[in-house]
N, C-alpha and C. Protein backbone atom coordinates (compact mmCIF):
# COMPACT_ATOMS: atom_id res chain seq x y z
N UNK A 1 120.50 67.78 119.01
CA UNK A 1 120.89 68.74 117.98
C UNK A 1 122.31 68.42 117.50
N UNK A 2 122.51 68.42 116.19
CA UNK A 2 123.83 68.10 115.66
C UNK A 2 124.80 69.23 115.97
N UNK A 3 126.08 68.85 116.08
CA UNK A 3 127.11 69.86 116.39
C UNK A 3 127.21 70.88 115.26
N UNK A 4 126.84 70.43 114.04
CA UNK A 4 126.85 71.31 112.88
C UNK A 4 125.88 72.47 113.07
N UNK A 5 124.66 72.14 113.52
CA UNK A 5 123.63 73.17 113.74
C UNK A 5 124.04 74.10 114.87
N UNK A 6 124.62 73.52 115.90
CA UNK A 6 125.07 74.29 117.06
C UNK A 6 126.14 75.30 116.64
N UNK A 7 127.00 74.87 115.75
CA UNK A 7 128.07 75.73 115.23
C UNK A 7 127.48 77.00 114.60
N UNK A 8 126.41 76.85 113.82
CA UNK A 8 125.77 78.00 113.18
C UNK A 8 125.06 78.89 114.21
N UNK A 9 124.48 78.25 115.21
CA UNK A 9 123.76 79.01 116.25
C UNK A 9 124.69 79.90 117.05
N UNK A 10 125.96 79.50 117.15
CA UNK A 10 126.95 80.27 117.92
C UNK A 10 127.52 81.45 117.13
N UNK A 11 127.29 81.46 115.83
CA UNK A 11 127.87 82.51 114.98
C UNK A 11 127.17 83.84 115.18
N UNK A 12 127.92 84.93 114.99
CA UNK A 12 127.28 86.24 115.03
C UNK A 12 126.65 86.54 113.67
N UNK A 13 125.89 87.60 113.63
CA UNK A 13 125.11 87.95 112.44
C UNK A 13 125.99 88.14 111.20
N UNK A 14 127.09 88.85 111.40
CA UNK A 14 127.98 89.15 110.28
C UNK A 14 128.57 87.88 109.66
N UNK A 15 128.96 86.93 110.52
CA UNK A 15 129.50 85.66 110.03
C UNK A 15 128.46 84.90 109.21
N UNK A 16 127.22 84.91 109.70
CA UNK A 16 126.14 84.24 108.99
C UNK A 16 125.87 84.88 107.63
N UNK A 17 125.93 86.21 107.59
CA UNK A 17 125.70 86.93 106.34
C UNK A 17 126.79 86.56 105.32
N UNK A 18 128.04 86.60 105.76
CA UNK A 18 129.17 86.28 104.86
C UNK A 18 129.02 84.86 104.30
N UNK A 19 128.72 83.90 105.17
CA UNK A 19 128.55 82.50 104.72
C UNK A 19 127.34 82.36 103.79
N UNK A 20 126.26 83.08 104.10
CA UNK A 20 125.07 83.04 103.24
C UNK A 20 125.40 83.55 101.85
N UNK A 21 126.24 84.57 101.79
CA UNK A 21 126.64 85.13 100.49
C UNK A 21 127.54 84.15 99.72
N UNK A 22 128.12 83.19 100.45
CA UNK A 22 128.96 82.16 99.80
C UNK A 22 128.13 80.89 99.53
N UNK A 23 126.81 81.07 99.50
CA UNK A 23 125.87 79.98 99.19
C UNK A 23 125.85 78.86 100.23
N UNK A 24 126.10 79.23 101.49
CA UNK A 24 125.99 78.26 102.58
C UNK A 24 124.53 78.26 103.04
N UNK A 25 123.81 77.23 102.63
CA UNK A 25 122.37 77.16 102.88
C UNK A 25 122.04 77.11 104.37
N UNK A 26 122.87 76.38 105.14
CA UNK A 26 122.61 76.26 106.59
C UNK A 26 122.77 77.62 107.30
N UNK A 27 123.73 78.40 106.85
CA UNK A 27 123.94 79.74 107.42
C UNK A 27 122.73 80.63 107.09
N UNK A 28 122.25 80.53 105.86
CA UNK A 28 121.08 81.32 105.44
C UNK A 28 119.85 80.91 106.24
N UNK A 29 119.71 79.62 106.47
CA UNK A 29 118.59 79.08 107.26
C UNK A 29 118.62 79.66 108.69
N UNK A 30 119.79 79.69 109.30
CA UNK A 30 119.94 80.24 110.65
C UNK A 30 119.68 81.75 110.66
N UNK A 31 120.13 82.43 109.62
CA UNK A 31 119.92 83.87 109.50
C UNK A 31 118.42 84.19 109.43
N UNK A 32 117.71 83.44 108.62
CA UNK A 32 116.26 83.62 108.47
C UNK A 32 115.54 83.33 109.78
N UNK A 33 115.97 82.24 110.44
CA UNK A 33 115.37 81.85 111.72
C UNK A 33 115.52 82.98 112.76
N UNK A 34 116.71 83.60 112.77
CA UNK A 34 116.97 84.67 113.74
C UNK A 34 116.17 85.93 113.45
N UNK A 35 115.95 86.21 112.17
CA UNK A 35 115.33 87.48 111.81
C UNK A 35 113.81 87.43 111.69
N UNK A 36 113.22 86.23 111.55
CA UNK A 36 111.79 86.18 111.25
C UNK A 36 110.90 86.79 112.34
N UNK A 37 111.22 86.54 113.61
CA UNK A 37 110.40 87.10 114.70
C UNK A 37 110.47 88.61 114.72
N UNK A 38 111.66 89.10 114.50
CA UNK A 38 111.91 90.53 114.47
C UNK A 38 111.12 91.23 113.36
N UNK A 39 111.15 90.62 112.18
CA UNK A 39 110.44 91.17 111.02
C UNK A 39 108.93 91.11 111.27
N UNK A 40 108.47 89.98 111.80
CA UNK A 40 107.04 89.82 112.10
C UNK A 40 106.59 90.90 113.10
N UNK A 41 107.40 91.10 114.15
CA UNK A 41 107.07 92.11 115.17
C UNK A 41 107.01 93.51 114.54
N UNK A 42 107.96 93.80 113.66
CA UNK A 42 107.98 95.12 113.01
C UNK A 42 106.71 95.35 112.21
N UNK A 43 106.35 94.37 111.37
CA UNK A 43 105.13 94.52 110.56
C UNK A 43 103.88 94.57 111.44
N UNK A 44 103.89 93.87 112.59
CA UNK A 44 102.71 93.87 113.45
C UNK A 44 102.47 95.26 114.07
N UNK A 45 103.54 96.07 114.19
CA UNK A 45 103.38 97.44 114.66
C UNK A 45 102.97 98.38 113.52
N UNK A 46 103.26 97.98 112.29
CA UNK A 46 102.99 98.86 111.15
C UNK A 46 101.60 98.67 110.56
N UNK A 47 101.09 97.44 110.62
CA UNK A 47 99.77 97.19 110.03
C UNK A 47 98.95 96.31 110.98
N UNK A 48 97.64 96.53 111.04
CA UNK A 48 96.84 95.76 112.00
C UNK A 48 96.12 94.57 111.37
N UNK A 49 96.35 94.30 110.08
CA UNK A 49 95.75 93.13 109.45
C UNK A 49 96.70 91.95 109.61
N UNK A 50 96.31 91.02 110.46
CA UNK A 50 97.17 89.88 110.82
C UNK A 50 97.64 89.10 109.59
N UNK A 51 96.72 88.87 108.63
CA UNK A 51 97.11 88.08 107.45
C UNK A 51 98.16 88.84 106.62
N UNK A 52 98.06 90.18 106.61
CA UNK A 52 99.06 90.99 105.90
C UNK A 52 100.42 90.87 106.57
N UNK A 53 100.42 90.84 107.91
CA UNK A 53 101.67 90.74 108.67
C UNK A 53 102.41 89.46 108.27
N UNK A 54 101.69 88.34 108.23
CA UNK A 54 102.30 87.05 107.87
C UNK A 54 102.81 87.06 106.43
N UNK A 55 102.01 87.59 105.51
CA UNK A 55 102.40 87.64 104.10
C UNK A 55 103.61 88.54 103.89
N UNK A 56 103.60 89.71 104.54
CA UNK A 56 104.70 90.65 104.40
C UNK A 56 105.99 90.07 104.99
N UNK A 57 105.87 89.38 106.11
CA UNK A 57 107.03 88.75 106.75
C UNK A 57 107.63 87.71 105.80
N UNK A 58 106.77 86.88 105.22
CA UNK A 58 107.23 85.83 104.30
C UNK A 58 107.93 86.45 103.09
N UNK A 59 107.35 87.51 102.55
CA UNK A 59 107.93 88.18 101.39
C UNK A 59 109.28 88.82 101.74
N UNK A 60 109.37 89.41 102.93
CA UNK A 60 110.64 90.02 103.37
C UNK A 60 111.73 88.95 103.48
N UNK A 61 111.38 87.79 104.04
CA UNK A 61 112.36 86.70 104.19
C UNK A 61 112.78 86.13 102.83
N UNK A 62 111.83 86.08 101.90
CA UNK A 62 112.14 85.63 100.53
C UNK A 62 113.12 86.59 99.87
N UNK A 63 112.85 87.89 100.04
CA UNK A 63 113.74 88.90 99.45
C UNK A 63 115.12 88.87 100.10
N UNK A 64 115.15 88.62 101.39
CA UNK A 64 116.42 88.48 102.10
C UNK A 64 117.23 87.35 101.44
N UNK A 65 116.59 86.19 101.29
CA UNK A 65 117.28 85.02 100.73
C UNK A 65 117.71 85.25 99.28
N UNK A 66 116.82 85.88 98.52
CA UNK A 66 117.07 86.08 97.09
C UNK A 66 118.16 87.13 96.83
N UNK A 67 118.21 88.15 97.69
CA UNK A 67 119.08 89.29 97.40
C UNK A 67 120.29 89.44 98.31
N UNK A 68 120.55 88.45 99.15
CA UNK A 68 121.65 88.55 100.13
C UNK A 68 122.99 88.83 99.42
N UNK A 69 123.15 88.33 98.18
CA UNK A 69 124.41 88.55 97.44
C UNK A 69 124.61 90.01 97.06
N UNK A 70 123.52 90.77 97.00
CA UNK A 70 123.64 92.18 96.58
C UNK A 70 124.11 93.10 97.72
N UNK A 71 124.13 92.58 98.95
CA UNK A 71 124.59 93.38 100.09
C UNK A 71 126.11 93.47 100.04
N UNK A 72 126.61 94.71 99.85
CA UNK A 72 128.06 94.90 99.69
C UNK A 72 128.83 94.78 101.00
N UNK A 73 128.27 95.32 102.07
CA UNK A 73 128.98 95.30 103.35
C UNK A 73 128.14 94.55 104.40
N UNK A 74 128.58 93.37 104.81
CA UNK A 74 127.82 92.58 105.80
C UNK A 74 127.55 93.32 107.11
N UNK A 75 128.39 94.32 107.43
CA UNK A 75 128.17 95.12 108.65
C UNK A 75 126.87 95.91 108.57
N UNK A 76 126.41 96.18 107.36
CA UNK A 76 125.19 96.98 107.16
C UNK A 76 123.94 96.12 106.96
N UNK A 77 124.02 94.86 107.38
CA UNK A 77 122.91 93.93 107.16
C UNK A 77 121.59 94.44 107.75
N UNK A 78 121.62 94.93 109.00
CA UNK A 78 120.37 95.36 109.67
C UNK A 78 119.69 96.49 108.89
N UNK A 79 120.49 97.48 108.50
CA UNK A 79 119.93 98.60 107.73
C UNK A 79 119.39 98.14 106.39
N UNK A 80 120.14 97.24 105.73
CA UNK A 80 119.73 96.69 104.43
C UNK A 80 118.41 95.93 104.56
N UNK A 81 118.31 95.10 105.60
CA UNK A 81 117.10 94.31 105.81
C UNK A 81 115.91 95.22 106.10
N UNK A 82 116.14 96.25 106.90
CA UNK A 82 115.05 97.17 107.22
C UNK A 82 114.63 98.02 106.03
N UNK A 83 115.52 98.17 105.05
CA UNK A 83 115.14 98.84 103.81
C UNK A 83 114.16 97.95 103.05
N UNK A 84 114.39 96.65 103.07
CA UNK A 84 113.47 95.68 102.45
C UNK A 84 112.11 95.78 103.14
N UNK A 85 112.11 95.79 104.47
CA UNK A 85 110.87 95.88 105.26
C UNK A 85 110.12 97.18 104.93
N UNK A 86 110.86 98.29 104.90
CA UNK A 86 110.26 99.60 104.62
C UNK A 86 109.65 99.63 103.22
N UNK A 87 110.40 99.13 102.23
CA UNK A 87 109.89 99.11 100.86
C UNK A 87 108.63 98.26 100.74
N UNK A 88 108.62 97.12 101.41
CA UNK A 88 107.43 96.25 101.39
C UNK A 88 106.22 96.95 102.02
N UNK A 89 106.48 97.65 103.12
CA UNK A 89 105.40 98.36 103.80
C UNK A 89 104.79 99.42 102.87
N UNK A 90 105.65 100.19 102.21
CA UNK A 90 105.16 101.23 101.28
C UNK A 90 104.49 100.61 100.05
N UNK A 91 105.02 99.48 99.57
CA UNK A 91 104.39 98.76 98.44
C UNK A 91 102.97 98.34 98.82
N UNK A 92 102.84 97.85 100.05
CA UNK A 92 101.54 97.40 100.55
C UNK A 92 100.55 98.57 100.61
N UNK A 93 101.03 99.73 101.07
CA UNK A 93 100.18 100.91 101.12
C UNK A 93 99.70 101.30 99.72
N UNK A 94 100.63 101.24 98.76
CA UNK A 94 100.26 101.60 97.37
C UNK A 94 99.29 100.57 96.81
N UNK A 95 99.56 99.30 97.10
CA UNK A 95 98.71 98.21 96.58
C UNK A 95 97.27 98.34 97.08
N UNK A 96 97.13 98.76 98.32
CA UNK A 96 95.78 98.92 98.87
C UNK A 96 95.24 100.31 98.56
N UNK A 97 95.86 100.92 97.54
CA UNK A 97 95.47 102.23 96.97
C UNK A 97 95.33 103.36 97.97
N UNK A 98 96.07 103.26 99.07
CA UNK A 98 96.13 104.37 100.01
C UNK A 98 97.45 105.08 99.83
N UNK A 99 97.38 106.36 99.56
CA UNK A 99 98.63 107.11 99.44
C UNK A 99 99.19 107.33 100.84
N UNK A 100 100.52 107.18 101.00
CA UNK A 100 101.08 107.49 102.32
C UNK A 100 100.77 108.94 102.69
N UNK A 101 100.41 109.13 103.95
CA UNK A 101 100.08 110.48 104.38
C UNK A 101 101.32 111.34 104.33
N UNK A 102 101.16 112.58 103.83
CA UNK A 102 102.30 113.48 103.85
C UNK A 102 102.19 114.35 105.09
N UNK A 103 103.32 114.65 105.65
CA UNK A 103 103.36 115.37 106.91
C UNK A 103 104.22 116.60 106.76
N UNK A 104 103.74 117.74 107.22
CA UNK A 104 104.51 118.96 107.14
C UNK A 104 105.74 118.86 108.03
N UNK A 105 106.89 119.27 107.49
CA UNK A 105 108.12 119.22 108.28
C UNK A 105 108.44 120.60 108.85
N UNK A 106 107.50 121.54 108.73
CA UNK A 106 107.75 122.91 109.19
C UNK A 106 107.60 123.08 110.69
N UNK A 107 106.87 122.14 111.32
CA UNK A 107 106.64 122.29 112.76
C UNK A 107 107.95 122.16 113.52
N UNK A 108 107.98 122.79 114.68
CA UNK A 108 109.17 122.73 115.53
C UNK A 108 109.38 121.29 115.99
N UNK A 109 110.62 120.88 116.06
CA UNK A 109 110.88 119.56 116.62
C UNK A 109 111.46 119.71 118.01
N UNK A 110 111.05 118.81 118.86
CA UNK A 110 111.50 118.87 120.26
C UNK A 110 112.51 117.77 120.50
N UNK A 111 113.78 118.15 120.42
CA UNK A 111 114.86 117.17 120.58
C UNK A 111 114.90 116.58 121.99
N UNK A 112 114.27 117.27 122.95
CA UNK A 112 114.36 116.85 124.34
C UNK A 112 113.37 115.74 124.71
N UNK A 113 112.45 115.43 123.80
CA UNK A 113 111.43 114.44 124.11
C UNK A 113 112.07 113.08 124.39
N UNK A 114 111.91 112.61 125.59
CA UNK A 114 112.44 111.30 125.95
C UNK A 114 111.26 110.35 126.12
N UNK A 115 111.13 109.44 125.18
CA UNK A 115 110.02 108.49 125.24
C UNK A 115 110.50 107.19 124.64
N UNK A 116 110.47 106.14 125.41
CA UNK A 116 110.94 104.86 124.91
C UNK A 116 109.84 103.82 125.06
N UNK A 117 109.48 103.21 123.94
CA UNK A 117 108.45 102.18 123.97
C UNK A 117 108.91 101.03 124.87
N UNK A 118 110.18 100.63 124.69
CA UNK A 118 110.69 99.48 125.45
C UNK A 118 110.64 99.75 126.95
N UNK A 119 110.89 101.00 127.35
CA UNK A 119 110.95 101.29 128.78
C UNK A 119 109.58 101.18 129.46
N UNK A 120 108.49 101.33 128.68
CA UNK A 120 107.18 101.23 129.33
C UNK A 120 106.55 99.85 129.19
N UNK A 121 107.23 98.95 128.47
CA UNK A 121 106.76 97.57 128.41
C UNK A 121 107.45 96.80 129.53
N UNK A 122 106.68 96.00 130.26
CA UNK A 122 107.25 95.23 131.38
C UNK A 122 108.20 94.16 130.87
N UNK A 123 109.01 93.66 131.76
CA UNK A 123 109.89 92.53 131.47
C UNK A 123 109.02 91.33 131.09
N UNK A 124 109.27 90.70 129.90
CA UNK A 124 108.43 89.57 129.49
C UNK A 124 108.50 88.36 130.44
N UNK A 125 109.50 88.33 131.33
CA UNK A 125 109.61 87.20 132.25
C UNK A 125 108.86 87.45 133.57
N UNK A 126 108.06 88.52 133.62
CA UNK A 126 107.40 88.86 134.88
C UNK A 126 106.27 87.88 135.21
N UNK A 127 105.79 87.94 136.44
CA UNK A 127 104.75 87.03 136.92
C UNK A 127 103.43 87.29 136.18
N UNK A 128 102.49 86.32 136.20
CA UNK A 128 101.24 86.47 135.45
C UNK A 128 100.50 87.81 135.60
N UNK A 129 100.25 88.36 136.83
CA UNK A 129 99.51 89.62 136.89
C UNK A 129 100.21 90.75 136.13
N UNK A 130 101.55 90.84 136.32
CA UNK A 130 102.30 91.87 135.62
C UNK A 130 102.30 91.61 134.11
N UNK A 131 102.32 90.31 133.76
CA UNK A 131 102.33 89.94 132.35
C UNK A 131 101.05 90.42 131.66
N UNK A 132 99.93 90.32 132.37
CA UNK A 132 98.65 90.79 131.83
C UNK A 132 98.72 92.29 131.55
N UNK A 133 99.28 93.02 132.52
CA UNK A 133 99.42 94.47 132.36
C UNK A 133 100.31 94.77 131.16
N UNK A 134 101.40 94.01 131.06
CA UNK A 134 102.35 94.19 129.96
C UNK A 134 101.68 93.94 128.62
N UNK A 135 100.91 92.84 128.51
CA UNK A 135 100.23 92.51 127.25
C UNK A 135 99.21 93.57 126.88
N UNK A 136 98.49 94.06 127.88
CA UNK A 136 97.49 95.09 127.63
C UNK A 136 98.16 96.38 127.17
N UNK A 137 99.26 96.73 127.84
CA UNK A 137 100.01 97.93 127.47
C UNK A 137 100.55 97.82 126.05
N UNK A 138 101.04 96.63 125.71
CA UNK A 138 101.58 96.43 124.36
C UNK A 138 100.49 96.64 123.31
N UNK A 139 99.26 96.17 123.63
CA UNK A 139 98.14 96.37 122.71
C UNK A 139 97.86 97.86 122.51
N UNK A 140 97.86 98.62 123.62
CA UNK A 140 97.62 100.06 123.54
C UNK A 140 98.71 100.75 122.70
N UNK A 141 99.96 100.34 122.94
CA UNK A 141 101.09 100.95 122.23
C UNK A 141 100.98 100.64 120.73
N UNK A 142 100.70 99.36 120.42
CA UNK A 142 100.57 98.98 119.01
C UNK A 142 99.50 99.82 118.32
N UNK A 143 98.36 99.95 119.00
CA UNK A 143 97.25 100.71 118.43
C UNK A 143 97.64 102.17 118.23
N UNK A 144 98.31 102.74 119.24
CA UNK A 144 98.74 104.14 119.16
C UNK A 144 99.73 104.33 118.01
N UNK A 145 100.63 103.39 117.82
CA UNK A 145 101.61 103.49 116.72
C UNK A 145 100.92 103.38 115.37
N UNK A 146 99.96 102.45 115.27
CA UNK A 146 99.25 102.26 114.00
C UNK A 146 98.43 103.48 113.61
N UNK A 147 98.09 104.32 114.59
CA UNK A 147 97.31 105.52 114.29
C UNK A 147 98.18 106.70 113.88
N UNK A 148 99.49 106.54 113.98
CA UNK A 148 100.41 107.61 113.54
C UNK A 148 100.43 107.67 112.02
N UNK A 149 100.74 108.85 111.45
CA UNK A 149 100.96 108.91 109.99
C UNK A 149 102.08 107.93 109.61
N UNK A 150 101.99 107.37 108.40
CA UNK A 150 102.92 106.31 107.99
C UNK A 150 104.38 106.68 108.20
N UNK A 151 104.75 107.91 107.82
CA UNK A 151 106.17 108.29 107.90
C UNK A 151 106.66 108.31 109.35
N UNK A 152 105.80 108.74 110.27
CA UNK A 152 106.15 108.73 111.69
C UNK A 152 106.25 107.29 112.19
N UNK A 153 105.28 106.49 111.74
CA UNK A 153 105.17 105.10 112.20
C UNK A 153 106.42 104.30 111.87
N UNK A 154 106.83 104.37 110.60
CA UNK A 154 108.00 103.58 110.20
C UNK A 154 109.26 104.07 110.92
N UNK A 155 109.39 105.39 111.09
CA UNK A 155 110.59 105.94 111.74
C UNK A 155 110.67 105.51 113.21
N UNK A 156 109.56 105.60 113.94
CA UNK A 156 109.58 105.26 115.38
C UNK A 156 109.78 103.76 115.58
N UNK A 157 109.21 102.93 114.70
CA UNK A 157 109.37 101.48 114.82
C UNK A 157 110.82 101.08 114.54
N UNK A 158 111.42 101.66 113.52
CA UNK A 158 112.81 101.33 113.20
C UNK A 158 113.76 101.80 114.30
N UNK A 159 113.43 102.93 114.94
CA UNK A 159 114.28 103.46 116.00
C UNK A 159 114.09 102.71 117.32
N UNK A 160 112.84 102.63 117.77
CA UNK A 160 112.55 102.09 119.10
C UNK A 160 112.60 100.56 119.17
N UNK A 161 112.11 99.90 118.14
CA UNK A 161 112.01 98.44 118.20
C UNK A 161 113.16 97.73 117.50
N UNK A 162 113.68 98.34 116.43
CA UNK A 162 114.79 97.71 115.72
C UNK A 162 116.14 98.26 116.17
N UNK A 163 116.12 99.41 116.85
CA UNK A 163 117.36 99.98 117.37
C UNK A 163 118.29 100.54 116.31
N UNK A 164 117.73 100.95 115.17
CA UNK A 164 118.55 101.52 114.10
C UNK A 164 118.99 102.93 114.45
N UNK A 165 120.13 103.33 113.90
CA UNK A 165 120.61 104.70 114.10
C UNK A 165 119.81 105.63 113.19
N UNK A 166 119.89 106.94 113.46
CA UNK A 166 119.19 107.92 112.60
C UNK A 166 119.68 107.78 111.15
N UNK A 167 120.97 107.55 110.98
CA UNK A 167 121.56 107.43 109.64
C UNK A 167 121.00 106.22 108.90
N UNK A 168 120.87 105.09 109.62
CA UNK A 168 120.33 103.87 108.99
C UNK A 168 118.87 104.06 108.62
N UNK A 169 118.11 104.75 109.48
CA UNK A 169 116.69 105.00 109.18
C UNK A 169 116.58 105.93 107.98
N UNK A 170 117.45 106.94 107.93
CA UNK A 170 117.45 107.88 106.80
C UNK A 170 117.68 107.12 105.49
N UNK A 171 118.63 106.18 105.53
CA UNK A 171 118.93 105.38 104.33
C UNK A 171 117.76 104.47 103.97
N UNK A 172 117.17 103.83 104.98
CA UNK A 172 116.06 102.90 104.73
C UNK A 172 114.81 103.60 104.21
N UNK A 173 114.61 104.87 104.61
CA UNK A 173 113.38 105.59 104.22
C UNK A 173 113.62 106.67 103.17
N UNK A 174 114.85 106.74 102.66
CA UNK A 174 115.21 107.76 101.65
C UNK A 174 114.88 109.17 102.12
N UNK A 175 115.27 109.48 103.35
CA UNK A 175 115.02 110.81 103.92
C UNK A 175 116.33 111.33 104.51
N UNK A 176 116.37 112.62 104.81
CA UNK A 176 117.57 113.17 105.44
C UNK A 176 117.56 112.81 106.93
N UNK A 177 118.72 112.88 107.56
CA UNK A 177 118.83 112.58 109.00
C UNK A 177 117.98 113.57 109.79
N UNK A 178 117.98 114.83 109.39
CA UNK A 178 117.18 115.87 110.07
C UNK A 178 115.69 115.55 110.02
N UNK A 179 115.23 115.08 108.86
CA UNK A 179 113.81 114.72 108.69
C UNK A 179 113.48 113.53 109.59
N UNK A 180 114.37 112.55 109.63
CA UNK A 180 114.16 111.37 110.47
C UNK A 180 114.06 111.77 111.94
N UNK A 181 114.99 112.63 112.41
CA UNK A 181 114.97 113.08 113.80
C UNK A 181 113.67 113.81 114.12
N UNK A 182 113.23 114.63 113.18
CA UNK A 182 111.98 115.37 113.38
C UNK A 182 110.78 114.42 113.46
N UNK A 183 110.74 113.44 112.56
CA UNK A 183 109.63 112.48 112.56
C UNK A 183 109.58 111.69 113.86
N UNK A 184 110.75 111.25 114.32
CA UNK A 184 110.81 110.45 115.55
C UNK A 184 110.40 111.31 116.75
N UNK A 185 110.91 112.53 116.80
CA UNK A 185 110.58 113.43 117.90
C UNK A 185 109.08 113.69 117.96
N UNK A 186 108.49 113.96 116.80
CA UNK A 186 107.05 114.26 116.77
C UNK A 186 106.21 113.01 117.00
N UNK A 187 106.71 111.85 116.56
CA UNK A 187 106.01 110.59 116.83
C UNK A 187 105.98 110.34 118.33
N UNK A 188 107.10 110.61 119.02
CA UNK A 188 107.16 110.41 120.48
C UNK A 188 106.16 111.31 121.19
N UNK A 189 106.07 112.56 120.74
CA UNK A 189 105.12 113.51 121.35
C UNK A 189 103.69 112.97 121.18
N UNK A 190 103.36 112.55 119.96
CA UNK A 190 102.01 112.04 119.68
C UNK A 190 101.71 110.79 120.51
N UNK A 191 102.72 109.90 120.63
CA UNK A 191 102.52 108.68 121.42
C UNK A 191 102.35 109.00 122.90
N UNK A 192 103.16 109.93 123.41
CA UNK A 192 103.04 110.33 124.81
C UNK A 192 101.64 110.86 125.07
N UNK A 193 101.16 111.73 124.18
CA UNK A 193 99.81 112.29 124.35
C UNK A 193 98.75 111.19 124.30
N UNK A 194 98.92 110.29 123.33
CA UNK A 194 97.94 109.21 123.15
C UNK A 194 97.92 108.21 124.30
N UNK A 195 99.07 108.06 124.97
CA UNK A 195 99.17 107.04 126.02
C UNK A 195 99.13 107.61 127.43
N UNK A 196 98.90 108.93 127.55
CA UNK A 196 98.88 109.57 128.88
C UNK A 196 97.94 108.87 129.86
N UNK A 197 96.81 108.45 129.36
CA UNK A 197 95.80 107.82 130.22
C UNK A 197 96.27 106.48 130.78
N UNK A 198 97.22 105.84 130.09
CA UNK A 198 97.62 104.48 130.48
C UNK A 198 98.95 104.43 131.24
N UNK A 199 99.73 105.52 131.16
CA UNK A 199 101.06 105.49 131.76
C UNK A 199 101.08 106.27 133.06
């Protein structure tokens, strides 16, 4: 590996974003390489059509490359990128002529619900028997998430898998922070109920 490539691999996300905005192609290449698995994983939790996941991932990366100059603050890259992902997901729903499900926000929200997807997935470096359990559990979790109403699904995926703050999710989904907290809380309750048999 050339020292030039190594130099880019050592950079943090913000440095790569700044250089990409200055038309540094190698920085943009490294940025895309780092984000593609993450974006693919996000879409794989949102939709169960494998070919859609690949197409949506490719489109998200294209939009990243095309619009990186429009990002005003490189510190907000993650939120900005997830807004692209969210918009693509909703575009896909509209394209397949399914209206996103609307969910009543009148129900009580349970702020105390502690449920973490990551905490119930095994360490990926575990031995084969545990790995089988982990893979099976991941399948159950993916299926349970895909069965959630769209608004819950996108909120829980951005929170649990992407690690976004409530504020960043609110911005990415054009919702208030209170609405986001309620959606995540209720998504956790639904997931806990759906996964009781497996946990």
